[in-house]
Each structure stands twice: as C-alpha cells, then as structure tokens.
C-alpha cells in the first residue's frame, strides 16, 4: 500500500473517532511532502482533510 493511501486511511479513521491531532499530522505531511513520498496534489488534499 502506498504512503498516500495509508495516510488517508489513518486520518479518516482518526477523524471519525475524534482523535485526529491536527498539528502533529501537519508536521508529518510536511515531512512526507519534502521527502517526495506524496506529491503536491496529494499533499493539498490531505491538508484539506485537516481543515475540514
């Protein structure tokens, strides 16, 4: 399973459970993006999930 799919699944589950730690996830997403584990489009979508 690719990094993007794993991140999205974890974020969706945590959001549904009310345990999503937005600042922590923002830092993680920044690192994944900087290391080219996710692309620009994926990064924007995942950050959007944090804001919604």
N, C-alpha and C. Protein backbone atom coordinates (compact mmCIF):
# COMPACT_ATOMS: atom_id res chain seq x y z
N UNK A 1 0.85 -1.17 0.00
CA UNK A 1 0.00 0.00 0.00
C UNK A 1 0.90 1.24 0.00
N UNK A 2 0.55 2.20 -0.81
CA UNK A 2 1.34 3.41 -0.95
C UNK A 2 1.16 4.33 0.27
N UNK A 3 2.12 5.19 0.46
CA UNK A 3 2.11 6.12 1.60
C UNK A 3 0.83 6.94 1.63
N UNK A 4 0.44 7.48 0.50
CA UNK A 4 -0.75 8.32 0.43
C UNK A 4 -1.99 7.57 0.93
N UNK A 5 -2.19 6.35 0.48
CA UNK A 5 -3.37 5.59 0.88
C UNK A 5 -3.35 5.29 2.37
N UNK A 6 -2.20 4.97 2.92
CA UNK A 6 -2.09 4.70 4.36
C UNK A 6 -2.41 5.94 5.17
N UNK A 7 -1.84 7.08 4.76
CA UNK A 7 -2.08 8.33 5.49
C UNK A 7 -3.57 8.67 5.45
N UNK A 8 -4.16 8.59 4.27
CA UNK A 8 -5.57 8.95 4.13
C UNK A 8 -6.45 8.04 4.99
N UNK A 9 -6.16 6.76 5.00
CA UNK A 9 -6.93 5.82 5.81
C UNK A 9 -6.81 6.14 7.30
N UNK A 10 -5.58 6.40 7.75
CA UNK A 10 -5.37 6.73 9.16
C UNK A 10 -6.07 8.02 9.56
N UNK A 11 -5.93 9.03 8.71
CA UNK A 11 -6.56 10.32 9.01
C UNK A 11 -8.08 10.19 9.04
N UNK A 12 -8.65 9.45 8.11
CA UNK A 12 -10.10 9.26 8.07
C UNK A 12 -10.59 8.55 9.32
N UNK A 13 -9.88 7.52 9.73
CA UNK A 13 -10.25 6.77 10.94
C UNK A 13 -10.15 7.64 12.17
N UNK A 14 -9.03 8.35 12.30
CA UNK A 14 -8.84 9.21 13.47
C UNK A 14 -9.87 10.34 13.50
N UNK A 15 -10.19 10.88 12.36
CA UNK A 15 -11.18 11.96 12.29
C UNK A 15 -12.55 11.44 12.74
N UNK A 16 -12.91 10.24 12.30
CA UNK A 16 -14.19 9.64 12.69
C UNK A 16 -14.24 9.35 14.19
N UNK A 17 -13.09 9.00 14.76
CA UNK A 17 -13.02 8.70 16.19
C UNK A 17 -12.84 9.95 17.05
N UNK A 18 -12.59 11.08 16.42
CA UNK A 18 -12.36 12.31 17.15
C UNK A 18 -10.98 12.41 17.77
N UNK A 19 -10.02 11.64 17.23
CA UNK A 19 -8.67 11.62 17.80
C UNK A 19 -7.63 12.21 16.85
N UNK A 20 -8.07 12.91 15.84
CA UNK A 20 -7.15 13.48 14.85
C UNK A 20 -6.38 14.65 15.47
N UNK A 21 -5.06 14.51 15.55
CA UNK A 21 -4.18 15.54 16.11
C UNK A 21 -3.65 16.39 14.95
N UNK A 22 -4.34 17.49 14.69
CA UNK A 22 -4.05 18.32 13.52
C UNK A 22 -2.61 18.82 13.46
N UNK A 23 -2.06 19.42 14.53
CA UNK A 23 -0.67 19.91 14.44
C UNK A 23 0.34 18.79 14.16
N UNK A 24 0.14 17.65 14.77
CA UNK A 24 1.03 16.52 14.55
C UNK A 24 0.95 16.04 13.10
N UNK A 25 -0.26 15.92 12.58
CA UNK A 25 -0.43 15.48 11.20
C UNK A 25 0.12 16.50 10.21
N UNK A 26 0.00 17.77 10.51
CA UNK A 26 0.54 18.80 9.62
C UNK A 26 2.05 18.63 9.50
N UNK A 27 2.72 18.40 10.63
CA UNK A 27 4.17 18.18 10.60
C UNK A 27 4.53 16.93 9.81
N UNK A 28 3.78 15.86 10.00
CA UNK A 28 4.05 14.62 9.28
C UNK A 28 3.86 14.80 7.78
N UNK A 29 2.78 15.47 7.40
CA UNK A 29 2.52 15.70 5.98
C UNK A 29 3.63 16.53 5.35
N UNK A 30 4.11 17.53 6.08
CA UNK A 30 5.21 18.35 5.57
C UNK A 30 6.45 17.50 5.29
N UNK A 31 6.76 16.58 6.19
CA UNK A 31 7.92 15.72 6.02
C UNK A 31 7.72 14.77 4.84
N UNK A 32 6.54 14.15 4.75
CA UNK A 32 6.27 13.25 3.63
C UNK A 32 6.38 14.00 2.30
N UNK A 33 5.90 15.23 2.27
CA UNK A 33 5.97 16.04 1.05
C UNK A 33 7.41 16.41 0.71
N UNK A 34 8.16 16.83 1.70
CA UNK A 34 9.56 17.22 1.46
C UNK A 34 10.41 16.04 0.97
N UNK A 35 10.07 14.85 1.44
CA UNK A 35 10.84 13.65 1.05
C UNK A 35 10.27 12.97 -0.19
N UNK A 36 9.36 13.64 -0.87
CA UNK A 36 8.73 13.12 -2.09
C UNK A 36 8.01 11.79 -1.91
N UNK A 37 7.43 11.60 -0.73
CA UNK A 37 6.62 10.40 -0.51
C UNK A 37 5.19 10.63 -0.97
N UNK A 38 4.76 11.91 -1.00
CA UNK A 38 3.47 12.28 -1.56
C UNK A 38 3.70 13.46 -2.50
N UNK A 39 2.84 13.58 -3.51
CA UNK A 39 3.02 14.68 -4.46
C UNK A 39 2.19 15.90 -4.04
N UNK A 40 2.29 16.96 -4.81
CA UNK A 40 1.63 18.23 -4.48
C UNK A 40 0.12 18.08 -4.37
N UNK A 41 -0.47 17.39 -5.30
CA UNK A 41 -1.93 17.21 -5.29
C UNK A 41 -2.37 16.43 -4.05
N UNK A 42 -1.66 15.36 -3.73
CA UNK A 42 -1.98 14.55 -2.56
C UNK A 42 -1.80 15.37 -1.28
N UNK A 43 -0.74 16.14 -1.22
CA UNK A 43 -0.47 16.98 -0.05
C UNK A 43 -1.63 17.96 0.17
N UNK A 44 -2.06 18.63 -0.88
CA UNK A 44 -3.15 19.59 -0.77
C UNK A 44 -4.46 18.91 -0.31
N UNK A 45 -4.72 17.72 -0.83
CA UNK A 45 -5.93 17.00 -0.43
C UNK A 45 -5.88 16.63 1.06
N UNK A 46 -4.73 16.12 1.49
CA UNK A 46 -4.61 15.69 2.89
C UNK A 46 -4.65 16.87 3.85
N UNK A 47 -4.02 17.97 3.48
CA UNK A 47 -4.09 19.18 4.32
C UNK A 47 -5.53 19.68 4.37
N UNK A 48 -6.25 19.57 3.28
CA UNK A 48 -7.65 19.94 3.25
C UNK A 48 -8.49 19.12 4.21
N UNK A 49 -8.12 17.86 4.38
CA UNK A 49 -8.82 17.00 5.35
C UNK A 49 -8.61 17.50 6.77
N UNK A 50 -7.46 18.08 7.04
CA UNK A 50 -7.18 18.62 8.38
C UNK A 50 -8.03 19.85 8.66
N UNK A 51 -8.29 20.63 7.64
CA UNK A 51 -9.01 21.89 7.81
C UNK A 51 -10.52 21.69 7.85
N UNK A 52 -11.00 20.61 7.29
CA UNK A 52 -12.46 20.38 7.22
C UNK A 52 -13.03 19.91 8.54
